[in-house]
Amino acid sequence: YVPTVKEQINGKWFEVGSLTDVDLSVQEEQQQSYACEPALEAANALRLQLVPTVEAGNEQGIREIEFWSPGEHEPVRSGMELRALLDQGVAVQQSRQYQAEPASGVIGPEAGQYKDIASDNTFRFDLAYRPAQIKRAYLSYELSGLARWTSAIRSINEQTAMGGYVIERGQGGQQVEEIAPAWLRQGTNQIRFVPVDADSAYTVSKVKVLIELDNGANFVRRISSNIGTSRDAVASLYDGDTGTGLAPVQEQDSMIIGWERQLWQPAVAEETVDTAAVELTFDRLTDLTEVGFYATGKIKSSVKVLLRKQGQWVESTASGKVKVKLPYHKQSISSCPATEYDKLRNIISSHWNTDLVNRKAAGWNILDSFRARALFPHPI
């Protein structure tokens, strides 16, 4: 085929210069990558035109077409980290934020007053999503007069009030606390703050609710490996940048945790792995359908995919001597229906000649009866 990509701007179609009349017939049968120059910044639609280079009836199909954006996957460890990324203007693909009104409120009687004016104690915002669509949610606000969020008394949508157990005075500054998505509702929500005593007040301002959608971009809890030299090297497998990754070095005796999401439960000790491996740990049981990796050189060895269920490792049908297609290689995982796993491990024998630069897993996430497609929209 000779493909041509066109972009639509204000209802008119224009050819993309670097992606015009690209002759695929002279390319090897493997995944090919083509840069779009200049970048498409104003297009609201793309059109791919394919012209066969052989006689009708002898065409061979194109197995897959992917469009990648230049943006990077932004792994989020905690609510405070998400707040910082959004304040810096970083577009976190799976996140949304909602500003509540009014802009600020004095909770309790102000100087010279005998009682609290309750009208500015309640903050409201409209939410576009159902709680079942939300993976994690956070309440963020500026606090003055109390040292931290555990001292403030607050209630979300008339749920049982929280806080006020230990009253610490001070300038708390920015507070971020994780809240249950089930406390929220589609439509109008309200957050009500309550005075901590009858004689003093504290101020709350810039109230926001941050959410992470359950879209598959955030079900990896931890990534670890024994072929990295540092935590940063292992973490580079999860930064979405295909220019960074793990270099082929001698494996270590134990796994190095390069990225880990802060969860309420403590991390469990990892077992020793006696060959080169990369592990993805999920934050809940996941029915996987595919695993993939991006490599910069040929892998001249076997690649095994192990899945863990109830503490036991099972070798997937995706394992064995495979012809790795560069740069991005994907392997399907065939499992019994409704088989969920909590961890995935790639084993690469010691004779390899490549850099691994990202990891990707696809499957179905299981949470009670809720079932959602878990595909990473960007490379990780």
Protein backbone atom coordinates (compact mmCIF):
# COMPACT_ATOMS: atom_id res chain seq x y z
CA TYR A 1 0.00 0.00 0.00
CA VAL A 2 0.86 3.67 -0.38
CA PRO A 3 -0.88 5.48 2.50
CA THR A 4 -1.55 9.20 2.74
CA VAL A 5 -2.72 10.98 5.89
CA LYS A 6 -4.91 14.07 5.65
CA GLU A 7 -5.96 16.46 8.39
CA GLN A 8 -9.20 18.38 8.60
CA ILE A 9 -9.01 22.04 9.61
CA ASN A 10 -12.16 24.18 9.63
CA GLY A 11 -13.96 21.70 7.40
CA LYS A 12 -11.22 21.45 4.75
CA TRP A 13 -8.83 18.55 4.16
CA PHE A 14 -5.07 19.01 3.79
CA GLU A 15 -2.35 16.46 3.13
CA VAL A 16 0.27 15.97 5.86
CA GLY A 17 3.59 16.44 4.09
CA SER A 18 5.67 13.84 5.94
CA LEU A 19 2.85 11.26 5.69
CA THR A 20 2.00 11.61 2.01
CA ASP A 21 2.55 8.74 -0.47
CA VAL A 22 4.52 6.53 1.95
CA ASP A 23 5.40 3.34 0.06
CA LEU A 24 4.92 0.39 2.43
CA SER A 25 5.77 -2.20 -0.23
CA VAL A 26 9.50 -1.60 0.26
CA GLN A 27 9.32 -2.03 4.07
CA GLU A 28 9.97 -5.21 6.04
CA GLU A 29 7.02 -7.04 7.55
CA GLN A 30 7.18 -5.50 10.99
CA GLN A 31 5.82 -2.47 12.80
CA GLN A 32 6.90 0.76 11.13
CA SER A 33 6.89 4.20 12.74
CA TYR A 34 6.57 7.53 10.91
CA ALA A 35 6.88 10.94 12.52
CA CYS A 36 4.32 13.60 11.73
CA GLU A 37 6.13 16.81 10.82
CA PRO A 38 5.05 19.40 11.61
CA ALA A 39 2.94 18.28 14.56
CA LEU A 40 -0.84 18.32 14.08
CA GLU A 41 -2.00 21.01 16.48
CA ALA A 42 -5.13 22.43 14.79
CA ALA A 43 -6.65 19.28 13.22
CA ASN A 44 -10.08 18.14 14.40
CA ALA A 45 -10.10 14.95 12.30
CA LEU A 46 -7.70 12.66 10.43
CA ARG A 47 -8.25 10.64 7.25
CA LEU A 48 -6.06 7.72 6.18
CA GLN A 49 -6.13 6.92 2.46
CA LEU A 50 -4.67 3.56 1.33
CA VAL A 51 -3.79 2.95 -2.33
CA PRO A 52 -2.87 -0.68 -3.24
CA THR A 53 0.42 -1.17 -5.06
CA VAL A 54 -0.55 -4.59 -6.51
CA GLU A 55 -3.34 -5.86 -8.72
CA ALA A 56 -6.82 -6.10 -7.25
CA GLY A 57 -7.31 -9.35 -5.37
CA ASN A 58 -3.69 -9.72 -4.33
CA GLU A 59 -3.63 -7.14 -1.53
CA GLN A 60 -2.37 -8.04 1.92
CA GLY A 61 -4.04 -6.46 4.89
CA ILE A 62 -2.45 -4.03 7.32
CA ARG A 63 -2.63 -5.71 10.71
CA GLU A 64 -2.74 -2.62 12.89
CA ILE A 65 -2.60 1.16 12.69
CA GLU A 66 -1.81 3.31 15.75
CA PHE A 67 -1.70 7.08 16.17
CA TRP A 68 0.50 8.19 19.04
CA SER A 69 0.47 11.65 20.54
CA PRO A 70 3.66 13.33 21.79
CA GLY A 71 2.28 13.56 25.32
CA GLU A 72 3.68 11.33 28.06
CA HIS A 73 1.88 9.09 30.49
CA GLU A 74 1.88 10.70 33.93
CA PRO A 75 1.88 8.08 36.69
CA VAL A 76 0.31 9.48 39.87
CA ARG A 77 1.41 8.17 43.26
CA SER A 78 -0.86 10.22 45.54
CA GLY A 79 -3.40 13.01 45.72
CA MET A 80 -0.72 15.53 46.70
CA GLU A 81 1.29 14.58 43.62
CA LEU A 82 -1.78 14.91 41.39
CA ARG A 83 -2.49 18.35 42.87
CA ALA A 84 1.09 19.45 42.16
CA LEU A 85 0.97 18.18 38.55
CA LEU A 86 -2.28 20.02 37.84
CA ASP A 87 -0.97 23.22 39.44
CA GLN A 88 2.02 23.02 37.08
CA GLY A 89 -0.29 22.79 34.09
CA VAL A 90 0.56 19.14 33.35
CA ALA A 91 -2.26 17.39 31.48
CA VAL A 92 -2.88 14.19 33.44
CA GLN A 93 -4.97 12.18 30.99
CA GLN A 94 -7.11 10.29 33.50
CA SER A 95 -7.78 13.21 35.88
CA ARG A 96 -10.45 15.88 36.22
CA GLN A 97 -10.73 18.73 38.72
CA TYR A 98 -13.75 20.70 39.89
CA GLN A 99 -13.65 24.12 41.56
CA ALA A 100 -16.25 24.53 44.31
CA GLU A 101 -18.02 27.78 45.18
CA PRO A 102 -17.80 30.12 47.07
CA ALA A 103 -14.11 31.00 46.77
CA SER A 104 -13.64 30.95 50.57
CA GLY A 105 -15.48 30.69 53.85
CA VAL A 106 -14.91 31.50 57.52
CA ILE A 107 -15.93 28.54 59.63
CA GLY A 108 -16.93 29.78 63.09
CA PRO A 109 -17.55 33.24 64.60
CA GLU A 110 -15.26 35.96 63.27
CA ALA A 111 -13.71 38.60 65.53
CA GLY A 112 -16.44 40.73 67.07
CA GLN A 113 -19.18 38.23 66.31
CA TYR A 114 -21.04 35.96 68.70
CA LYS A 115 -21.99 33.18 66.32
CA ASP A 116 -20.99 31.59 63.06
CA ILE A 117 -22.51 32.78 59.77
CA ALA A 118 -23.30 29.41 58.20
CA SER A 119 -23.94 30.67 54.66
CA ASP A 120 -20.25 30.44 53.69
CA ASN A 121 -19.63 27.06 55.32
CA THR A 122 -20.94 25.00 52.39
CA PHE A 123 -19.11 24.65 49.06
CA ARG A 124 -20.84 23.29 45.95
CA PHE A 125 -19.76 21.94 42.56
CA ASP A 126 -21.30 19.93 39.71
CA LEU A 127 -19.85 16.53 38.83
CA ALA A 128 -20.25 15.09 35.32
CA TYR A 129 -19.49 11.46 36.23
CA ARG A 130 -21.12 8.66 38.17
CA PRO A 131 -19.21 7.31 41.21
CA ALA A 132 -18.78 3.96 39.42
CA GLN A 133 -16.73 5.74 36.74
CA ILE A 134 -14.26 7.13 39.29
CA LYS A 135 -11.21 5.19 40.45
CA ARG A 136 -9.98 7.64 43.10
CA ALA A 137 -11.12 11.01 44.43
CA TYR A 138 -9.45 13.72 46.53
CA LEU A 139 -10.63 16.79 48.42
CA SER A 140 -8.21 19.73 48.18
CA TYR A 141 -8.38 23.12 49.90
CA GLU A 142 -6.34 25.85 51.58
CA LEU A 143 -6.59 25.85 55.36
CA SER A 144 -5.84 28.71 57.77
CA GLY A 145 -6.34 28.66 61.53
CA LEU A 146 -5.89 24.90 61.81
CA ALA A 147 -2.68 22.97 61.31
CA ARG A 148 -3.98 20.10 59.16
CA TRP A 149 -7.06 18.51 57.60
CA THR A 150 -7.54 16.05 60.46
CA SER A 151 -8.52 18.97 62.71
CA ALA A 152 -11.15 20.42 60.36
CA ILE A 153 -14.67 19.00 60.62
CA ARG A 154 -16.25 18.39 57.21
CA SER A 155 -19.05 16.41 55.61
CA ILE A 156 -19.59 15.48 51.95
CA ASN A 157 -23.18 15.25 50.72
CA GLU A 158 -24.48 14.90 54.28
CA GLN A 159 -22.33 11.87 55.01
CA THR A 160 -21.14 11.40 58.57
CA ALA A 161 -18.88 14.32 59.53
CA MET A 162 -15.14 13.59 59.80
CA GLY A 163 -12.32 15.29 61.70
CA GLY A 164 -12.05 17.39 64.82
CA TYR A 165 -10.50 14.61 66.87
CA VAL A 166 -7.36 16.59 67.81
CA ILE A 167 -7.52 20.37 67.39
CA GLU A 168 -4.16 21.81 66.33
CA ARG A 169 -3.96 25.52 65.61
CA GLY A 170 -1.74 26.88 62.86
CA GLN A 171 -1.51 27.81 59.18
CA GLY A 172 -2.21 24.52 57.51
CA GLY A 173 -1.73 25.64 53.92
CA GLN A 174 -2.71 23.31 51.10
CA GLN A 175 -4.49 20.13 52.20
CA VAL A 176 -5.21 17.06 50.05
CA GLU A 177 -7.12 14.09 51.43
CA GLU A 178 -8.37 10.99 49.66
CA ILE A 179 -12.13 10.49 49.81
CA ALA A 180 -14.35 7.61 48.75
CA PRO A 181 -15.82 8.00 45.24
CA ALA A 182 -19.07 6.54 46.62
CA TRP A 183 -19.53 9.74 48.66
CA LEU A 184 -19.90 11.73 45.45
CA ARG A 185 -22.86 11.82 43.08
CA GLN A 186 -23.46 12.83 39.51
CA GLY A 187 -24.81 16.36 39.48
CA THR A 188 -24.60 18.85 42.34
CA ASN A 189 -22.39 17.99 45.31
CA GLN A 190 -21.81 19.89 48.53
CA ILE A 191 -18.98 19.97 51.07
CA ARG A 192 -19.93 21.41 54.45
CA PHE A 193 -17.39 22.51 57.06
CA VAL A 194 -18.35 22.81 60.75
CA PRO A 195 -16.83 25.00 63.52
CA VAL A 196 -14.53 23.10 65.88
CA ASP A 197 -15.78 25.06 68.89
CA ALA A 198 -18.11 27.95 69.75
CA ASP A 199 -15.44 30.64 70.29
CA SER A 200 -12.98 30.42 67.39
CA ALA A 201 -12.90 30.21 63.60
CA TYR A 202 -10.79 28.85 60.79
CA THR A 203 -10.76 29.72 57.09
CA VAL A 204 -11.19 27.39 54.11
CA SER A 205 -10.52 28.54 50.54
CA LYS A 206 -9.86 27.23 47.02
CA VAL A 207 -11.93 24.10 47.60
CA LYS A 208 -11.51 21.59 44.76
CA VAL A 209 -12.37 17.97 44.14
CA LEU A 210 -9.91 15.97 42.03
CA ILE A 211 -10.87 12.66 40.47
CA GLU A 212 -9.08 9.91 38.57
CA LEU A 213 -11.34 8.18 36.08
CA ASP A 214 -11.36 4.40 35.98
CA ASN A 215 -10.16 4.26 32.37
CA GLY A 216 -7.35 1.72 32.67
CA ALA A 217 -4.54 4.26 32.92
CA ASN A 218 -4.13 3.81 36.66
CA PHE A 219 -4.53 0.18 37.72
CA VAL A 220 -0.78 -0.50 38.05
CA ARG A 221 0.17 -0.28 41.71
CA ARG A 222 3.88 -1.03 41.43
CA ILE A 223 6.56 -1.67 38.83
CA SER A 224 9.79 -3.40 39.83
CA SER A 225 12.73 -5.19 38.25
CA ASN A 226 16.04 -6.85 39.06
CA ILE A 227 17.82 -5.59 35.92
CA GLY A 228 17.96 -1.94 36.94
CA THR A 229 20.76 -0.21 38.76
CA SER A 230 18.55 2.20 40.67
CA ARG A 231 14.96 3.08 41.52
CA ASP A 232 15.01 5.83 38.89
CA ALA A 233 16.11 3.38 36.20
CA VAL A 234 13.25 1.02 37.01
CA ALA A 235 10.78 3.90 37.25
CA SER A 236 11.70 4.90 33.69
CA LEU A 237 9.68 1.89 32.52
CA TYR A 238 6.57 3.77 33.62
CA ASP A 239 7.20 7.33 32.44
CA GLY A 240 5.68 7.03 28.95
CA ASP A 241 8.90 8.20 27.30
CA THR A 242 10.18 5.73 24.67
CA GLY A 243 13.58 7.39 24.90
CA THR A 244 14.21 6.16 28.44
CA GLY A 245 14.27 2.68 29.89
CA LEU A 246 16.28 -0.14 31.41
CA ALA A 247 19.66 -0.89 29.87
CA PRO A 248 20.78 -4.56 29.73
CA VAL A 249 22.81 -4.96 32.90
CA GLN A 250 23.42 -7.97 35.13
CA GLU A 251 20.32 -8.78 37.16
CA GLN A 252 20.31 -8.20 40.91
CA ASP A 253 19.49 -10.72 43.64
CA SER A 254 16.22 -9.04 44.49
CA MET A 255 13.64 -6.82 42.83
CA ILE A 256 14.08 -3.05 42.91
CA ILE A 257 10.82 -1.14 43.31
CA GLY A 258 11.13 1.83 40.96
CA TRP A 259 7.55 3.08 41.08
CA GLU A 260 4.88 2.43 43.67
CA ARG A 261 1.56 4.06 44.26
CA GLN A 262 0.85 5.09 47.84
CA LEU A 263 -1.97 2.89 49.05
CA TRP A 264 -3.55 2.52 52.45
CA GLN A 265 -2.36 -1.06 52.90
CA PRO A 266 1.36 -1.72 53.57
CA ALA A 267 3.55 -3.23 50.87
CA VAL A 268 4.32 -6.93 51.22
CA ALA A 269 7.84 -8.33 50.98
CA GLU A 270 8.92 -9.43 47.50
CA GLU A 271 10.33 -12.87 46.76
CA THR A 272 13.77 -13.29 45.19
CA VAL A 273 13.88 -13.79 41.40
CA ASP A 274 16.81 -15.73 39.98
CA THR A 275 16.71 -14.41 36.38
CA ALA A 276 16.16 -11.12 34.57
CA ALA A 277 12.58 -9.99 35.17
CA VAL A 278 10.21 -7.03 35.13
CA GLU A 279 7.06 -7.11 37.27
CA LEU A 280 3.81 -5.17 37.18
CA THR A 281 1.68 -5.37 40.31
CA PHE A 282 -1.99 -4.45 39.94
CA ASP A 283 -4.08 -2.81 42.62
CA ARG A 284 -6.91 -5.30 42.11
CA LEU A 285 -7.61 -8.57 40.31
CA THR A 286 -7.31 -8.12 36.56
CA ASP A 287 -8.35 -10.40 33.69
CA LEU A 288 -5.51 -9.76 31.23
CA THR A 289 -5.77 -10.15 27.48
CA GLU A 290 -2.42 -8.79 26.30
CA VAL A 291 1.04 -7.72 27.41
CA GLY A 292 3.55 -5.72 25.43
CA PHE A 293 6.91 -3.99 25.60
CA TYR A 294 8.90 -1.49 23.56
CA ALA A 295 12.48 -2.48 22.79
CA THR A 296 15.32 -0.74 20.97
CA GLY A 297 17.20 -3.88 19.89
CA LYS A 298 16.74 -7.54 19.09
CA ILE A 299 15.94 -10.01 21.85
CA LYS A 300 17.75 -13.26 21.12
CA SER A 301 16.23 -15.33 23.87
CA SER A 302 12.98 -16.66 25.24
CA VAL A 303 10.42 -14.29 26.73
CA LYS A 304 8.18 -15.71 29.43
CA VAL A 305 5.01 -14.15 30.77
CA LEU A 306 4.03 -15.32 34.27
CA LEU A 307 0.76 -14.44 35.97
CA ARG A 308 0.12 -14.68 39.69
CA LYS A 309 -3.17 -15.71 41.21
CA GLN A 310 -3.71 -16.40 44.91
CA GLY A 311 0.04 -16.39 45.49
CA GLN A 312 0.82 -18.94 42.75
CA TRP A 313 2.71 -18.13 39.53
CA VAL A 314 1.34 -19.63 36.31
CA GLU A 315 3.13 -19.49 32.96
CA SER A 316 1.01 -17.91 30.25
CA THR A 317 0.56 -19.25 26.73
CA ALA A 318 2.31 -16.04 25.61
CA SER A 319 5.63 -17.48 26.84
CA GLY A 320 8.33 -19.19 24.83
CA LYS A 321 10.68 -18.53 21.96
CA VAL A 322 9.03 -15.72 20.04
CA LYS A 323 10.05 -13.49 17.18
CA VAL A 324 10.06 -10.07 18.75
CA LYS A 325 8.74 -7.41 16.42
CA LEU A 326 10.45 -4.06 16.85
CA PRO A 327 9.99 -1.56 18.20
CA TYR A 328 6.73 -2.46 19.92
CA HIS A 329 5.97 -6.11 20.56
CA LYS A 330 2.65 -7.45 21.84
CA GLN A 331 1.73 -10.92 23.04
CA SER A 332 -1.81 -12.15 23.57
CA ILE A 333 -2.65 -13.90 26.81
CA SER A 334 -5.14 -16.74 26.52
CA SER A 335 -6.77 -17.61 29.81
CA CYS A 336 -9.94 -19.22 31.02
CA PRO A 337 -12.97 -16.93 31.20
CA ALA A 338 -13.14 -14.81 34.34
CA THR A 339 -9.57 -15.67 35.38
CA GLU A 340 -8.18 -12.70 37.30
CA TYR A 341 -4.58 -12.06 38.32
CA ASP A 342 -2.93 -9.59 40.66
CA LYS A 343 0.58 -9.52 39.19
CA LEU A 344 2.40 -10.01 35.88
CA ARG A 345 6.05 -10.96 35.44
CA ASN A 346 8.15 -10.92 32.26
CA ILE A 347 11.16 -13.24 32.35
CA ILE A 348 13.93 -12.63 29.82
CA SER A 349 16.84 -15.09 29.75
CA SER A 350 20.30 -13.67 30.44
CA HIS A 351 21.37 -13.64 26.75
CA TRP A 352 19.68 -10.50 25.51
CA ASN A 353 20.73 -7.46 23.53
CA THR A 354 18.25 -4.67 23.97
CA ASP A 355 16.96 -1.82 26.08
CA LEU A 356 13.40 -2.10 27.38
CA VAL A 357 11.84 1.33 27.44
CA ASN A 358 8.24 0.83 28.47
CA ARG A 359 5.73 -1.72 29.65
CA LYS A 360 2.09 -2.02 28.75
CA ALA A 361 -0.68 -4.32 29.94
CA ALA A 362 -4.23 -4.61 28.71
CA GLY A 363 -7.15 -6.48 30.15
CA TRP A 364 -10.34 -6.28 32.13
CA ASN A 365 -10.38 -4.78 35.58
CA ILE A 366 -12.59 -6.46 38.14
CA LEU A 367 -14.09 -4.54 41.06
CA ASP A 368 -17.13 -6.22 42.61
CA SER A 369 -19.66 -6.40 39.77
CA PHE A 370 -18.27 -3.39 37.92
CA ARG A 371 -16.35 -4.30 34.76
CA ALA A 372 -14.41 -1.76 32.69
CA ARG A 373 -12.02 -2.05 29.75
CA ALA A 374 -8.48 -1.49 31.04
CA LEU A 375 -6.43 -0.31 28.07
CA PHE A 376 -3.66 2.22 28.46
CA PRO A 377 -4.35 4.94 25.86
CA HIS A 378 -0.68 6.05 25.97
CA PRO A 379 2.52 3.98 26.16
CA ILE A 380 3.76 3.36 29.67
